[in-house]
Amino acid sequence: MSRTHDRRTVVAKRSATTPVETAEIRALIRAAGDDVVAEVTQAGPEDAGTYFGRGKVRELAETVTDRDAQRVVVDGELTPSQHHALESMLPDGTAVVDRYRLVLEIFEAQAGTRRAQRQVELARLRYDLPRLIESADEGALNKGTEKGSPVYDVRDRIDRLEQTLEELPNPAEQFRRRRREEGFDLVTIAGYTNAGKSTLLHRLADDLSLEESRADQETEPADSTENATAAVADRLFETLETATRRATIDGRPVLATDTVGFVDDLPHDLVESFSSTLSEAAAADVVVLVADASDPPERFRDRLEVSLEVLAAQGVDDDRIVPVLNKVDRLSKSERTGRLERALGCLPASAAEPIPASVLEGTNLEALRTAIRDRLPTESATIRMPNCDEAMALVSEAYDRTSVESVDYDGSEVRLECRGRPSVLERFRSRAAALTR
């Protein structure tokens, strides 16, 4: 989805260390469709009243005026009182948005399903309510429990959204049932944004190649936010809308889905807000967890731990997880060893062994396919049936839905040996038995 707001925005960030890094927050702002016109940074402790020191706030106000900016995005989480104080000290009409609210905006623009839209709205209202109370005058606040007041309206809407979400059907169950009926195994690709998830989907998919995705990229402007189908691009939130492609793992038909990428300091409410995009993970037979091994060691570990927490919250069993440590081509031998040790230190014992890989260069992809195959539900079957048109149709479907070991035609009989999902094989047995009768 393209978002062009033509909104001039100033980045403001405080950090306890120097230099103050602003690359990711600038990328988030661009993902929201804004134009970054300046940045103001401060190294030092947080000010309890205004987040930044008062001198830095004055500098921020001057920058807003000089650059004719409409809003300020703070790379941090502001308390309601800090938000109100900052906004009151900036030029009239200047909106203040913290990191939490910015990510909410992006998800709100991308939410495609009824459940996702309501979950994002709920997260936004929970965020807005204390800020509404903070900015209200005493008279309005005293009317907070009266019908028709802004505070009452927000609280009432929160209650109704919570009730609606409880009544909506579980998308994971719907997804699982539909795909199971079609005879597919389900593989989900999860992890932080820019870890290489979309590139991996292209590597696994039957109908897309990495070269095709690169060609697609070259036809787009460098700063385009158009979402080409699972395009391989170094920008945040490329796959807020999931992309699913058919793949073949050891002869088995698989549906591989690239899910939304996580970001640092993602608000907990937002994990629930995009749960519909992670329903594929909850429903999947295997979850491939992609981690960027080229991240600094501490960030690498922290992001891996957060990813595992998110998957656990979605109901993903540890033994379904296949960890991939991507971009090892950027590391020395000792650095690779260090990342493996850190991964083993936080991965659950029942998860697969972490696989060091370079998805871009194709390194260790066969090991990944093997790890996925080993976790797919598998059963072998020998099916005998009369040699007739209906039997040929069943054999054709077997090639599409299972891994066919052999097909023997012996006069009036067809003998099919295949491996696949137990429910699919049981359906084939029933059809063959009906033909025999």
Protein backbone atom coordinates (compact mmCIF):
# COMPACT_ATOMS: atom_id res chain seq x y z
CA MET A 1 0.00 0.00 0.00
CA SER A 2 1.36 3.41 -0.94
CA ARG A 3 1.06 6.23 1.58
CA THR A 4 1.98 9.74 0.49
CA HIS A 5 1.12 12.34 3.13
CA ASP A 6 3.58 15.09 2.08
CA ARG A 7 3.96 15.75 5.82
CA ARG A 8 7.16 17.48 6.86
CA THR A 9 8.51 15.76 9.96
CA VAL A 10 11.36 16.39 12.40
CA VAL A 11 13.01 13.40 14.10
CA ALA A 12 13.79 13.86 17.80
CA LYS A 13 15.77 11.25 19.72
CA ARG A 14 17.41 11.01 23.11
CA SER A 15 19.96 8.36 24.03
CA ALA A 16 22.14 7.63 27.02
CA THR A 17 25.05 6.92 24.68
CA THR A 18 26.72 8.55 21.70
CA PRO A 19 26.43 8.56 18.77
CA VAL A 20 22.64 8.77 18.74
CA GLU A 21 21.44 6.37 16.02
CA THR A 22 18.41 7.50 13.98
CA ALA A 23 18.44 5.17 10.95
CA GLU A 24 15.56 2.94 12.05
CA ILE A 25 13.24 5.71 13.23
CA ARG A 26 13.82 7.56 9.95
CA ALA A 27 12.89 4.36 8.08
CA LEU A 28 9.74 4.03 10.19
CA ILE A 29 8.78 7.62 9.38
CA ARG A 30 9.24 6.97 5.67
CA ALA A 31 7.13 3.82 6.02
CA ALA A 32 4.38 6.06 7.41
CA GLY A 33 4.62 8.22 4.28
CA ASP A 34 6.28 11.26 5.87
CA ASP A 35 9.18 13.39 4.67
CA VAL A 36 12.02 13.72 7.20
CA VAL A 37 13.24 17.32 6.99
CA ALA A 38 15.52 17.50 10.06
CA GLU A 39 16.64 15.69 13.17
CA VAL A 40 17.43 16.84 16.69
CA THR A 41 19.28 14.50 19.04
CA GLN A 42 20.38 14.61 22.66
CA ALA A 43 22.79 12.35 24.54
CA GLY A 44 21.98 12.18 28.21
CA PRO A 45 19.42 11.14 30.80
CA GLU A 46 15.67 11.52 30.28
CA ASP A 47 13.95 14.62 31.64
CA ALA A 48 10.93 13.53 33.68
CA GLY A 49 8.88 16.54 32.63
CA THR A 50 9.61 17.04 28.93
CA TYR A 51 11.66 13.91 27.98
CA PHE A 52 14.34 16.24 26.53
CA GLY A 53 16.04 19.00 28.45
CA ARG A 54 14.40 22.41 28.16
CA GLY A 55 17.28 23.77 26.12
CA LYS A 56 16.89 20.93 23.64
CA VAL A 57 13.14 21.53 23.48
CA ARG A 58 13.80 25.18 22.55
CA GLU A 59 16.17 23.97 19.81
CA LEU A 60 13.49 21.55 18.64
CA ALA A 61 10.91 24.36 18.49
CA GLU A 62 13.30 26.53 16.42
CA THR A 63 13.96 23.63 14.05
CA VAL A 64 10.23 23.07 13.56
CA THR A 65 9.79 26.74 12.68
CA ASP A 66 12.85 26.93 10.41
CA ARG A 67 11.93 23.78 8.48
CA ASP A 68 8.18 24.50 8.37
CA ALA A 69 7.46 21.07 9.88
CA GLN A 70 3.96 19.84 10.73
CA ARG A 71 4.98 17.32 13.36
CA VAL A 72 7.74 15.92 15.53
CA VAL A 73 8.36 12.17 15.90
CA VAL A 74 10.12 11.19 19.13
CA ASP A 75 12.03 7.91 19.01
CA GLY A 76 10.94 6.78 22.45
CA GLU A 77 7.79 6.24 24.50
CA LEU A 78 6.44 9.46 26.01
CA THR A 79 4.32 9.50 29.13
CA PRO A 80 1.00 11.37 28.76
CA SER A 81 2.39 14.31 30.76
CA GLN A 82 5.59 14.47 28.68
CA HIS A 83 3.55 14.35 25.48
CA HIS A 84 1.33 17.21 26.66
CA ALA A 85 4.30 19.29 27.90
CA LEU A 86 6.26 18.88 24.66
CA GLU A 87 3.31 19.74 22.46
CA SER A 88 2.56 22.87 24.52
CA MET A 89 6.16 24.11 24.09
CA LEU A 90 6.26 23.69 20.29
CA PRO A 91 4.73 26.07 17.72
CA ASP A 92 0.94 26.00 17.59
CA GLY A 93 -0.43 23.20 15.45
CA THR A 94 2.68 21.02 15.74
CA ALA A 95 1.72 17.40 16.40
CA VAL A 96 3.94 15.27 18.65
CA VAL A 97 4.08 11.54 17.93
CA ASP A 98 6.20 9.03 19.82
CA ARG A 99 7.54 5.73 18.47
CA TYR A 100 4.59 3.76 19.84
CA ARG A 101 2.03 5.99 18.09
CA LEU A 102 4.01 6.02 14.85
CA VAL A 103 4.04 2.24 14.63
CA LEU A 104 0.32 2.25 15.41
CA GLU A 105 -0.25 4.55 12.41
CA ILE A 106 1.63 2.22 10.08
CA PHE A 107 -0.28 -0.84 11.21
CA GLU A 108 -3.58 1.04 11.03
CA ALA A 109 -2.89 1.93 7.40
CA GLN A 110 -2.00 -1.67 6.53
CA ALA A 111 -4.62 -3.63 8.49
CA GLY A 112 -6.52 -5.55 5.83
CA THR A 113 -8.94 -7.78 7.74
CA ARG A 114 -11.83 -6.92 10.03
CA ARG A 115 -10.08 -8.46 13.03
CA ALA A 116 -6.79 -6.67 12.34
CA GLN A 117 -8.53 -3.31 11.88
CA ARG A 118 -10.33 -3.63 15.19
CA GLN A 119 -7.23 -4.84 17.03
CA VAL A 120 -5.23 -1.85 15.81
CA GLU A 121 -8.05 0.52 16.69
CA LEU A 122 -8.20 -0.97 20.18
CA ALA A 123 -4.45 -0.49 20.66
CA ARG A 124 -4.72 3.11 19.45
CA LEU A 125 -7.60 3.95 21.78
CA ARG A 126 -5.81 2.42 24.77
CA TYR A 127 -2.84 4.61 23.89
CA ASP A 128 -4.92 7.75 23.35
CA LEU A 129 -7.11 7.52 26.46
CA PRO A 130 -4.55 8.60 29.12
CA ARG A 131 -3.33 11.38 26.82
CA LEU A 132 -6.87 12.59 26.35
CA ILE A 133 -7.30 12.67 30.11
CA GLU A 134 -3.97 14.49 30.56
CA SER A 135 -4.88 17.23 28.07
CA ALA A 136 -8.48 17.70 29.29
CA ASP A 137 -9.31 20.65 31.51
CA GLU A 138 -10.58 20.01 35.01
CA GLY A 139 -14.21 20.62 34.07
CA ALA A 140 -14.09 18.16 31.18
CA LEU A 141 -12.29 15.60 33.33
CA ASN A 142 -15.02 15.79 35.98
CA LYS A 143 -17.47 14.83 33.27
CA GLY A 144 -15.40 11.80 32.33
CA THR A 145 -18.07 9.40 33.49
CA GLU A 146 -20.91 11.21 31.75
CA LYS A 147 -22.29 10.02 28.44
CA GLY A 148 -21.27 12.19 25.52
CA SER A 149 -17.92 13.29 26.95
CA PRO A 150 -14.77 12.44 24.92
CA VAL A 151 -13.33 10.32 27.73
CA TYR A 152 -16.58 8.37 28.11
CA ASP A 153 -16.83 7.85 24.35
CA VAL A 154 -13.32 6.39 24.17
CA ARG A 155 -13.88 4.11 27.15
CA ASP A 156 -17.18 2.93 25.70
CA ARG A 157 -15.57 2.21 22.32
CA ILE A 158 -12.78 0.23 24.02
CA ASP A 159 -15.37 -1.93 25.82
CA ARG A 160 -17.28 -2.58 22.60
CA LEU A 161 -14.12 -3.45 20.65
CA GLU A 162 -12.99 -5.90 23.31
CA GLN A 163 -16.38 -7.62 23.17
CA THR A 164 -16.39 -7.69 19.36
CA LEU A 165 -12.92 -9.26 19.21
CA GLU A 166 -13.96 -11.99 21.62
CA GLU A 167 -16.88 -12.87 19.32
CA LEU A 168 -14.95 -12.87 16.02
CA PRO A 169 -13.85 -16.28 14.71
CA ASN A 170 -10.25 -17.34 15.25
CA PRO A 171 -8.42 -16.72 11.94
CA ALA A 172 -5.74 -19.31 12.77
CA GLU A 173 -8.35 -22.06 13.02
CA GLN A 174 -10.01 -20.97 9.77
CA PHE A 175 -6.70 -20.83 7.94
CA ARG A 176 -5.61 -24.21 9.29
CA ARG A 177 -8.84 -25.96 8.35
CA ARG A 178 -8.96 -24.55 4.81
CA ARG A 179 -5.38 -25.44 3.96
CA ARG A 180 -5.60 -28.87 5.56
CA GLU A 181 -8.65 -29.66 3.46
CA GLU A 182 -6.66 -28.72 0.37
CA GLY A 183 -3.89 -31.13 1.41
CA PHE A 184 -1.06 -28.66 1.93
CA ASP A 185 1.60 -28.55 4.62
CA LEU A 186 2.01 -25.08 6.07
CA VAL A 187 5.35 -23.30 6.58
CA THR A 188 5.55 -19.79 8.03
CA ILE A 189 8.58 -17.48 7.80
CA ALA A 190 8.85 -15.15 10.78
CA GLY A 191 11.40 -12.76 12.29
CA TYR A 192 12.49 -9.15 12.37
CA THR A 193 11.98 -6.87 9.42
CA ASN A 194 14.98 -6.81 7.04
CA ALA A 195 16.26 -10.14 8.39
CA GLY A 196 15.82 -11.71 4.94
CA LYS A 197 12.37 -13.26 5.19
CA SER A 198 11.09 -12.12 1.79
CA THR A 199 14.31 -13.23 0.12
CA LEU A 200 13.91 -16.66 1.71
CA LEU A 201 10.34 -16.92 0.43
CA HIS A 202 11.65 -16.36 -3.09
CA ARG A 203 14.30 -19.02 -2.58
CA LEU A 204 11.75 -21.59 -1.43
CA ALA A 205 8.89 -20.77 -3.81
CA ASP A 206 8.23 -22.83 -6.92
CA ASP A 207 6.86 -19.93 -8.95
CA LEU A 208 9.23 -17.08 -8.05
CA SER A 209 12.95 -16.68 -8.46
CA LEU A 210 15.40 -14.35 -6.76
CA GLU A 211 16.34 -12.96 -10.17
CA GLU A 212 12.68 -12.10 -10.88
CA SER A 213 12.39 -10.27 -7.59
CA ARG A 214 15.56 -8.30 -8.31
CA ALA A 215 14.19 -7.37 -11.72
CA ASP A 216 11.00 -6.15 -10.06
CA GLN A 217 13.06 -3.98 -7.73
CA GLU A 218 15.02 -2.41 -10.54
CA THR A 219 11.80 -1.16 -12.17
CA GLU A 220 10.75 0.75 -9.04
CA PRO A 221 12.01 4.13 -7.82
CA ALA A 222 14.49 3.73 -4.98
CA ASP A 223 12.16 5.41 -2.49
CA SER A 224 8.95 3.72 -3.64
CA THR A 225 6.70 2.32 -0.94
CA GLU A 226 4.63 0.24 -3.35
CA ASN A 227 4.45 -3.31 -2.07
CA ALA A 228 5.48 -5.56 -4.94
CA THR A 229 4.57 -9.15 -4.23
CA ALA A 230 6.95 -10.18 -1.47
CA ALA A 231 9.59 -7.97 -3.10
CA VAL A 232 13.11 -8.28 -1.77
CA ALA A 233 13.69 -4.76 -0.47
CA ASP A 234 15.69 -3.17 2.31
CA ARG A 235 12.85 -1.23 3.86
CA LEU A 236 10.67 -1.70 6.91
CA PHE A 237 7.22 -3.26 6.84
CA GLU A 238 7.59 -4.62 3.32
CA THR A 239 5.27 -7.47 4.23
CA LEU A 240 2.63 -6.04 6.55
CA GLU A 241 0.25 -7.90 4.28
CA THR A 242 1.37 -11.51 4.23
CA ALA A 243 2.48 -13.19 1.00
CA THR A 244 1.94 -16.92 0.46
CA ARG A 245 3.61 -19.00 -2.24
CA ARG A 246 3.61 -22.67 -3.12
CA ALA A 247 6.88 -24.52 -2.51
CA THR A 248 8.01 -28.13 -2.76
CA ILE A 249 9.99 -29.67 0.11
CA ASP A 250 11.27 -33.18 -0.58
CA GLY A 251 8.46 -33.71 -3.07
CA ARG A 252 5.81 -32.47 -0.62
CA PRO A 253 3.54 -29.55 -1.61
CA VAL A 254 3.95 -26.74 0.91
CA LEU A 255 2.42 -23.31 1.31
CA ALA A 256 5.11 -20.91 2.55
CA THR A 257 3.98 -17.61 4.07
CA ASP A 258 6.09 -14.54 4.77
CA THR A 259 4.64 -12.70 7.77
CA VAL A 260 4.95 -9.16 9.07
CA GLY A 261 8.41 -8.26 10.33
CA PHE A 262 8.98 -7.33 13.97
CA VAL A 263 10.64 -4.05 14.96
CA ASP A 264 12.58 -3.03 18.07
CA ASP A 265 10.56 -1.88 21.08
CA LEU A 266 7.31 -3.02 19.50
CA PRO A 267 4.49 -2.12 21.90
CA HIS A 268 2.91 -5.20 23.48
CA ASP A 269 -0.57 -4.13 22.39
CA LEU A 270 0.63 -4.18 18.78
CA VAL A 271 1.68 -7.82 18.99
CA GLU A 272 -2.02 -8.53 19.43
CA SER A 273 -2.89 -5.94 16.79
CA PHE A 274 -1.15 -7.83 14.02
CA SER A 275 -1.95 -11.30 15.35
CA SER A 276 -4.11 -11.93 12.29
CA THR A 277 -1.01 -11.62 10.12
CA LEU A 278 0.70 -14.14 12.40
CA SER A 279 -2.21 -16.58 12.33
CA GLU A 280 -0.26 -18.48 9.72
CA ALA A 281 2.42 -19.06 12.37
CA ALA A 282 -0.14 -20.38 14.83
CA ALA A 283 -1.52 -22.70 12.15
CA ALA A 284 1.78 -23.77 10.60
CA ASP A 285 3.42 -27.18 10.74
CA VAL A 286 6.84 -25.48 10.72
CA VAL A 287 7.87 -21.93 11.59
CA VAL A 288 11.16 -20.80 10.06
CA LEU A 289 12.49 -18.10 12.39
CA VAL A 290 14.93 -15.89 10.48
CA ALA A 291 17.43 -13.87 12.52
CA ASP A 292 19.96 -11.38 11.15
CA ALA A 293 23.29 -12.81 12.29
CA SER A 294 25.07 -9.64 11.13
CA ASP A 295 23.39 -7.64 13.91
CA PRO A 296 25.69 -6.70 16.81
CA PRO A 297 25.87 -9.60 19.31
CA GLU A 298 23.61 -8.07 21.99
CA ARG A 299 20.98 -6.94 19.49
CA PHE A 300 21.11 -10.34 17.78
CA ARG A 301 20.37 -12.12 21.06
CA ASP A 302 17.70 -9.65 22.17
CA ARG A 303 15.85 -9.82 18.87
CA LEU A 304 15.95 -13.60 18.83
CA GLU A 305 14.52 -13.72 22.35
CA VAL A 306 11.73 -11.26 21.48
CA SER A 307 10.87 -13.26 18.34
CA LEU A 308 10.57 -16.43 20.40
CA GLU A 309 8.33 -14.63 22.91
CA VAL A 310 6.03 -13.41 20.12
CA LEU A 311 5.77 -16.89 18.60
CA ALA A 312 5.05 -18.41 22.01
CA ALA A 313 2.27 -15.84 22.51
CA GLN A 314 0.78 -16.98 19.21
CA GLY A 315 0.69 -20.58 20.43
CA VAL A 316 3.64 -21.87 18.39
CA ASP A 317 5.14 -25.02 19.97
CA ASP A 318 8.93 -25.00 20.36
CA ASP A 319 9.38 -28.19 18.35
CA ARG A 320 7.87 -26.52 15.27
CA ILE A 321 10.56 -23.81 15.16
CA VAL A 322 13.49 -23.98 12.71
CA PRO A 323 15.93 -21.10 13.44
CA VAL A 324 17.93 -19.64 10.54
CA LEU A 325 20.89 -17.37 11.28
CA ASN A 326 20.97 -15.38 8.06
CA LYS A 327 23.69 -13.16 6.53
CA VAL A 328 26.62 -15.18 7.90
CA ASP A 329 28.48 -14.22 4.72
CA ARG A 330 29.08 -10.89 6.45
CA LEU A 331 30.77 -12.51 9.46
CA SER A 332 34.21 -13.91 10.20
CA LYS A 333 34.56 -17.51 11.34
CA SER A 334 34.87 -16.50 14.99
CA GLU A 335 31.84 -14.22 14.71
CA ARG A 336 29.77 -17.06 13.26
CA THR A 337 30.76 -19.26 16.20
CA GLY A 338 29.79 -16.51 18.61
CA ARG A 339 26.34 -16.04 17.04
CA LEU A 340 25.71 -19.80 17.15
CA GLU A 341 26.63 -19.91 20.83
CA ARG A 342 24.31 -17.01 21.60
CA ALA A 343 21.48 -18.62 19.65
CA LEU A 344 21.90 -21.94 21.45
CA GLY A 345 21.82 -20.05 24.74
CA CYS A 346 18.30 -18.70 24.21
CA LEU A 347 16.63 -21.26 21.91
CA PRO A 348 14.35 -23.86 23.51
CA ALA A 349 15.81 -27.36 23.64
CA SER A 350 13.04 -28.82 21.45
CA ALA A 351 13.61 -26.37 18.59
CA ALA A 352 15.70 -27.44 15.61
CA GLU A 353 19.44 -26.78 15.61
CA PRO A 354 20.09 -23.23 14.35
CA ILE A 355 21.18 -23.17 10.72
CA PRO A 356 23.83 -20.59 9.73
CA ALA A 357 22.95 -19.43 6.23
CA SER A 358 23.21 -16.76 3.59
CA VAL A 359 19.81 -16.69 1.94
CA LEU A 360 21.00 -14.17 -0.64
CA GLU A 361 23.90 -16.41 -1.73
CA GLY A 362 21.97 -19.68 -1.26
CA THR A 363 24.29 -21.03 1.46
CA ASN A 364 22.91 -23.91 3.55
CA LEU A 365 19.43 -23.81 2.00
CA GLU A 366 19.47 -27.59 1.55
CA ALA A 367 20.10 -27.99 5.27
CA LEU A 368 17.11 -25.73 5.86
CA ARG A 369 14.91 -27.77 3.53
CA THR A 370 15.96 -30.92 5.36
CA ALA A 371 15.13 -29.39 8.74
CA ILE A 372 11.70 -28.33 7.45
CA ARG A 373 11.05 -31.77 5.97
CA ASP A 374 11.96 -33.49 9.24
CA ARG A 375 9.23 -31.52 11.01
CA LEU A 376 6.43 -32.04 8.52
CA PRO A 377 3.80 -34.62 9.50
CA THR A 378 4.56 -37.66 7.35
CA GLU A 379 3.03 -41.06 6.68
CA SER A 380 3.72 -43.60 3.94
CA ALA A 381 1.00 -45.42 2.04
CA THR A 382 0.68 -48.11 -0.62
CA ILE A 383 -2.59 -47.69 -2.48
CA ARG A 384 -3.95 -50.28 -4.93
CA MET A 385 -6.88 -49.59 -7.25
CA PRO A 386 -8.32 -50.66 -10.60
CA ASN A 387 -6.68 -49.25 -13.71
CA CYS A 388 -9.31 -46.74 -14.83
CA ASP A 389 -9.80 -43.03 -15.52
CA GLU A 390 -10.70 -42.32 -11.88
CA ALA A 391 -7.46 -44.00 -10.78
CA MET A 392 -5.47 -41.79 -13.17
CA ALA A 393 -7.15 -38.74 -11.65
CA LEU A 394 -6.16 -39.92 -8.16
CA VAL A 395 -2.55 -40.50 -9.26
CA SER A 396 -2.48 -37.01 -10.77
CA GLU A 397 -3.75 -35.53 -7.52
CA ALA A 398 -1.18 -37.56 -5.57
CA TYR A 399 1.61 -35.87 -7.52
CA ASP A 400 0.08 -32.54 -6.57
CA ARG A 401 -0.60 -33.30 -2.90
CA THR A 402 2.05 -35.83 -1.81
CA SER A 403 5.57 -37.04 -2.50
CA VAL A 404 5.11 -39.92 -4.95
CA GLU A 405 7.64 -42.73 -4.52
CA SER A 406 6.47 -44.92 -7.41
CA VAL A 407 3.51 -45.76 -9.66
CA ASP A 408 3.29 -49.28 -11.11
CA TYR A 409 0.77 -50.33 -13.77
CA ASP A 410 0.25 -54.09 -13.64
CA GLY A 411 -2.45 -54.99 -16.10
CA SER A 412 -5.77 -54.17 -14.49
CA GLU A 413 -4.26 -52.71 -11.30
CA VAL A 414 -2.45 -49.50 -10.38
CA ARG A 415 -0.10 -49.55 -7.39
CA LEU A 416 0.75 -46.12 -5.92
CA GLU A 417 3.37 -45.55 -3.20
CA CYS A 418 3.56 -42.09 -1.69
CA ARG A 419 4.33 -40.10 1.45
CA GLY A 420 2.37 -37.18 2.78
CA ARG A 421 -0.01 -35.73 5.29
CA PRO A 422 -1.93 -38.51 7.11
CA SER A 423 -5.32 -36.91 6.43
CA VAL A 424 -4.59 -36.69 2.69
CA LEU A 425 -3.48 -40.32 2.50
CA GLU A 426 -6.59 -41.45 4.34
CA ARG A 427 -8.74 -39.63 1.80
CA PHE A 428 -6.87 -41.32 -1.06
CA ARG A 429 -7.36 -44.75 0.59
CA SER A 430 -11.09 -44.16 0.83
CA ARG A 431 -11.35 -43.15 -2.81
CA ALA A 432 -9.32 -46.18 -3.92
CA ALA A 433 -11.51 -48.48 -1.83
CA ALA A 434 -14.61 -47.03 -3.47
CA LEU A 435 -13.13 -47.72 -6.90
CA THR A 436 -12.41 -51.32 -5.93
CA ARG A 437 -16.01 -51.82 -4.75
